[in-house]
Protein backbone atom coordinates (compact mmCIF):
# COMPACT_ATOMS: atom_id res chain seq x y z
CA MET A 1 101.53 120.49 90.82
CA LEU A 2 100.12 116.92 91.21
CA ALA A 3 101.29 115.86 87.88
CA MET A 4 104.80 117.27 88.59
CA GLY A 5 104.68 115.43 91.97
CA GLU A 6 103.85 112.05 90.32
CA ARG A 7 106.66 112.61 87.76
CA LEU A 8 109.20 113.41 90.52
CA TRP A 9 108.14 110.42 92.52
CA HIS A 10 108.71 108.02 89.57
CA GLU A 11 111.98 109.62 88.71
CA GLU A 12 113.11 109.09 92.46
CA ALA A 13 111.84 105.47 92.33
CA GLU A 14 113.98 104.75 89.26
CA LEU A 15 117.01 106.62 90.68
CA ARG A 16 116.90 105.13 94.19
CA SER A 17 115.95 101.47 93.33
CA PRO A 18 118.51 99.00 94.87
CA PRO A 19 120.16 96.44 92.65
CA GLY A 20 117.64 93.82 91.69
CA ARG A 21 114.67 95.71 93.31
CA ASP A 22 112.10 97.95 91.89
CA LEU A 23 110.60 100.73 94.11
CA GLU A 24 107.80 101.13 91.73
CA ASP A 25 106.27 98.20 93.78
CA LEU A 26 105.73 100.71 96.47
CA TRP A 27 103.45 102.88 94.04
CA GLU A 28 101.54 99.64 93.12
CA TYR A 29 100.84 98.81 96.69
CA ALA A 30 99.75 102.32 97.50
CA SER A 31 97.43 102.29 94.43
CA GLU A 32 95.72 99.04 95.60
CA MET A 33 95.05 100.75 98.93
CA MET A 34 94.00 104.10 97.71
CA ASP A 35 92.12 103.56 94.35
CA PRO A 36 88.42 103.98 94.99
CA ALA A 37 87.88 101.52 92.10
CA LYS A 38 89.71 98.80 94.09
CA LYS A 39 87.81 99.56 97.32
CA GLU A 40 87.18 96.01 98.37
CA MET A 41 90.82 95.04 97.84
CA ALA A 42 91.84 97.93 99.91
CA VAL A 43 89.53 97.26 102.71
CA SER A 44 90.70 93.60 102.76
CA LYS A 45 94.33 94.52 102.92
CA LEU A 46 93.56 97.01 105.85
CA GLU A 47 91.85 94.45 107.77
CA GLN A 48 94.75 91.97 107.33
CA LEU A 49 97.24 94.74 108.23
CA ILE A 50 95.44 95.49 111.52
CA VAL A 51 95.22 91.49 112.30
CA ASP A 52 98.95 91.12 111.55
CA HIS A 53 99.90 94.06 113.74
CA PRO A 54 97.65 94.12 116.99
CA GLU A 55 100.13 96.61 118.45
CA LEU A 56 98.87 99.21 116.22
CA ASP A 57 95.52 99.48 117.87
CA TYR A 58 96.14 103.12 118.63
CA VAL A 59 96.73 103.67 114.93
CA THR A 60 93.59 101.83 113.67
CA PRO A 61 91.30 104.93 114.00
CA HIS A 62 93.61 106.90 111.88
CA LEU A 63 93.64 104.14 109.10
CA THR A 64 90.11 103.89 107.91
CA ARG A 65 86.52 104.21 108.44
CA ILE A 66 84.25 101.16 108.12
CA ARG A 67 84.35 99.73 104.60
CA GLU A 68 86.44 102.69 103.25
CA PRO A 69 89.95 102.67 101.61
CA ALA A 70 92.92 103.78 103.77
CA LYS A 71 93.60 107.43 104.80
CA ALA A 72 97.21 108.60 103.75
CA HIS A 73 98.11 109.93 107.14
CA GLY A 74 97.13 106.65 108.74
CA MET A 75 99.21 104.70 106.39
CA ALA A 76 102.12 107.15 107.15
CA LEU A 77 101.99 106.19 110.71
CA VAL A 78 102.20 102.64 110.02
CA ILE A 79 105.05 103.10 107.55
CA LEU A 80 107.04 105.34 109.91
CA SER A 81 106.82 102.92 112.81
CA ASN A 82 108.45 100.35 110.42
CA ASN A 83 105.36 98.13 110.53
CA LEU A 84 104.73 98.07 106.72
CA LEU A 85 107.70 96.91 104.63
CA PRO A 86 108.32 95.35 101.29
CA ASP A 87 108.80 91.50 101.63
CA TRP A 88 112.48 91.84 100.43
CA TRP A 89 113.54 94.16 103.14
CA LYS A 90 114.98 91.90 105.89
CA SER A 91 117.04 94.33 107.81
CA GLU A 92 115.95 95.39 111.29
CA SER A 93 116.92 98.95 110.56
CA PRO A 94 114.30 101.38 109.39
CA PHE A 95 113.40 101.13 105.78
CA PRO A 96 115.29 103.85 104.05
CA TYR A 97 112.66 104.63 101.41
CA GLN A 98 109.90 105.45 104.03
CA GLY A 99 109.58 108.98 102.62
CA LEU A 100 109.00 107.75 99.08
CA PHE A 101 106.47 105.15 100.24
CA VAL A 102 104.56 107.73 102.26
CA SER A 103 104.56 110.27 99.50
CA ALA A 104 102.87 107.75 97.22
CA PHE A 105 99.92 107.46 99.58
CA TYR A 106 99.55 111.36 99.83
CA LEU A 107 99.74 111.82 95.96
CA MET A 108 96.96 109.31 95.52
CA GLU A 109 94.91 110.87 98.20
CA THR A 110 95.38 114.24 96.58
CA LYS A 111 94.04 112.89 93.30
CA ASN A 112 91.02 111.28 95.08
CA LEU A 113 90.28 114.47 96.93
CA LEU A 114 90.45 116.62 93.75
CA ASN A 115 88.11 114.27 91.99
CA ALA A 116 85.68 114.66 94.97
CA GLY A 117 85.85 118.39 94.58
CA GLU A 118 87.60 118.88 97.92
CA GLY A 119 90.34 121.40 96.80
CA SER A 120 91.51 122.67 100.18
CA SER A 121 91.97 119.04 101.56
CA ALA A 122 93.77 118.08 98.34
CA TRP A 123 96.31 120.98 98.78
CA ALA A 124 96.93 119.86 102.43
CA SER A 125 97.61 116.22 101.23
CA LEU A 126 99.75 117.50 98.26
CA THR A 127 101.85 119.59 100.71
CA GLN A 128 102.57 116.31 102.75
CA ALA A 129 103.34 114.38 99.64
CA TYR A 130 106.06 116.87 98.62
CA TYR A 131 107.43 117.00 102.19
CA TYR A 132 107.90 113.23 102.44
CA LEU A 133 109.13 112.99 98.71
CA GLY A 134 111.74 115.64 99.75
CA THR A 135 113.14 113.25 102.24
CA ASN A 136 114.25 111.00 99.49
CA SER A 137 115.15 113.67 97.08
CA SER A 138 118.25 113.08 94.99
CA ALA A 139 118.91 116.81 95.17
CA THR A 140 119.65 116.89 98.86
CA THR A 141 122.98 117.08 100.26
CA ILE A 142 124.46 114.73 102.77
CA GLN A 143 123.86 117.17 105.58
CA GLU A 144 120.15 117.60 104.33
CA THR A 145 119.77 113.86 104.01
CA ALA A 146 120.82 113.41 107.65
CA ALA A 147 118.58 116.10 108.89
CA ALA A 148 115.74 114.48 106.88
CA GLY A 149 116.68 111.14 108.67
CA GLY A 150 116.47 112.90 111.98
CA LYS A 151 112.95 114.25 111.27
CA THR A 152 111.74 110.67 110.25
CA LYS A 153 113.29 109.30 113.51
CA ALA A 154 111.65 111.92 115.49
CA ALA A 155 108.28 111.22 113.70
CA THR A 156 108.65 107.53 114.55
CA GLU A 157 109.44 108.14 118.20
CA SER A 158 106.67 110.55 118.63
CA LEU A 159 104.11 108.20 116.88
CA GLU A 160 102.17 106.87 119.73
CA LEU A 161 102.22 110.11 121.73
CA ARG A 162 100.83 112.01 118.80
CA ALA A 163 98.10 109.42 118.29
CA ARG A 164 97.05 109.73 121.83
CA VAL A 165 97.06 113.68 122.03
CA VAL A 166 95.05 113.51 118.73
CA GLN A 167 92.43 111.39 120.39
CA ILE A 168 92.24 113.70 123.38
CA ALA A 169 92.19 116.82 121.37
CA ARG A 170 89.22 115.45 119.41
CA SER A 171 87.27 114.61 122.56
CA LEU A 172 87.59 118.19 123.56
CA HIS A 173 85.78 119.52 120.49
CA GLY A 174 82.61 121.31 121.39
CA GLU A 175 83.82 122.12 124.94
CA LYS A 176 82.60 125.76 125.47
CA ARG A 177 85.09 126.38 128.30
CA ILE A 178 88.06 125.82 125.81
CA LYS A 179 88.11 128.81 123.64
CA THR A 180 91.86 129.10 122.52
CA LEU A 181 94.59 126.89 121.26
CA THR A 182 96.69 127.46 124.38
CA LYS A 183 93.78 126.32 126.58
CA ALA A 184 93.29 123.23 124.51
CA ILE A 185 96.97 122.31 124.70
CA ASP A 186 97.09 123.02 128.54
CA GLU A 187 93.85 120.72 128.86
CA THR A 188 95.61 118.04 126.66
CA VAL A 189 98.67 118.05 128.95
CA LEU A 190 96.54 117.80 132.07
CA ILE A 191 94.67 114.88 130.66
CA MET A 192 98.02 113.22 129.54
CA GLU A 193 99.63 113.78 133.05
CA GLY A 194 96.41 112.53 134.93
CA ASP A 195 95.79 109.34 133.58
CA GLU A 196 98.12 106.32 134.12
CA SER A 197 98.10 104.90 130.66
CA ASN A 198 98.53 108.28 129.12
CA ARG A 199 101.33 109.18 131.55
CA ALA A 200 103.19 105.87 130.53
CA ILE A 201 103.13 106.88 126.88
CA LEU A 202 104.41 110.38 127.87
CA MET A 203 107.19 109.10 129.98
CA ASP A 204 108.15 106.66 127.36
CA PHE A 205 108.60 109.37 124.71
CA ASP A 206 110.30 111.64 127.41
CA GLN A 207 112.95 109.09 127.98
CA ARG A 208 114.07 109.56 124.36
CA THR A 209 114.42 113.17 124.96
CA THR A 210 118.12 114.43 124.89
CA GLN A 211 119.61 115.58 128.25
CA SER A 212 120.42 118.88 126.77
CA THR A 213 116.70 119.61 126.08
CA LYS A 214 115.79 118.50 129.62
CA LYS A 215 118.27 120.87 131.40
CA THR A 216 116.81 123.89 133.04
CA LYS A 217 118.78 127.19 133.14
CA PRO A 218 118.62 129.48 135.99
CA GLY A 219 115.47 131.66 135.63
CA ALA A 220 114.08 129.67 132.82
CA ASP A 221 110.55 128.29 132.45
CA PRO A 222 109.71 124.97 134.13
CA ASN A 223 110.87 122.04 132.14
CA SER A 224 108.99 118.90 133.26
CA PRO A 225 107.81 116.26 130.89
CA GLY A 226 104.40 117.95 130.71
CA ASP A 227 106.07 121.29 129.98
CA ARG A 228 108.15 119.75 127.25
CA LEU A 229 104.95 118.24 125.84
CA ARG A 230 103.31 121.65 125.82
CA LYS A 231 106.16 122.87 123.83
CA ASN A 232 105.95 120.17 121.25
CA LEU A 233 102.32 120.54 120.86
CA ALA A 234 102.65 124.24 120.04
CA ASN A 235 105.25 123.14 117.39
CA TRP A 236 103.13 120.28 116.08
CA CYS A 237 100.17 122.58 115.69
CA ALA A 238 102.05 125.15 113.65
CA PRO A 239 101.20 125.70 109.95
CA SER A 240 104.65 124.47 109.00
CA SER A 241 104.36 121.13 111.02
CA PRO A 242 104.46 117.90 108.95
CA TYR A 243 101.94 116.23 111.44
CA LEU A 244 98.76 116.95 109.71
CA GLU A 245 96.72 114.69 112.00
CA VAL A 246 97.70 117.03 115.02
CA ARG A 247 97.04 120.11 113.07
CA GLU A 248 93.56 119.07 112.05
CA ALA A 249 92.73 117.80 115.54
CA PHE A 250 93.61 121.26 117.17
CA GLU A 251 92.40 123.44 114.24
CA PRO A 252 88.73 124.09 115.82
CA PHE A 253 90.51 125.83 118.64
CA LYS A 254 92.46 128.00 116.36
CA GLN A 255 89.24 129.00 114.67
CA GLN A 256 87.57 130.02 118.01
CA ARG A 257 90.64 132.23 118.67
CA ARG A 258 89.82 134.29 115.56
């Protein structure tokens, strides 16, 4: 599966490269960031990335531990927020090959994890690699491509909110009073609503929510920003969710339920 994913990646890079450009450069960059043999180079690039983008302070914990190469889902957060682009991309619109770029990091992380004997983690990374590769797949129809673009847009818009709820969820690990996923989600919503800085992030995200989603039908459940966050968290924690960092942060509460 890994070898096939790598082959598909390079086929897509060749097929999608704009005139005069080579998307294989994305693979080379990811290799420099993820190859354990290039550890010092990777750490140096990460440190410079953080210096160049101080607005990514909430992403920094997801990027790396001290003196270690990057983590794929951390790099995905940076790429999807349009903060890591090839030098030749001058447009203010989102880089259209984000999925291909993110997929390269997950494919290389999969290889690293397999080499380290971490099979289950490798499988999770490979799943993410195929998901993001699919957003650039030549086999998608126009409608599917538009839908993939919508998912990428949603991922970008929820980036800061997801980073914060992951931070909160991790702080709840070990709390004996929280024994179910539902309770963990409820507690996360309470913390988001009860702190001014957290509430600002929540409201900023909620302002992007469509009015049709915000409408409350007669007899329906409450539909405040906190209620909508609660529903989003349930979806983001689902096995089919593309947001690995959220699923991992809430996983201990799922295990307690069993």
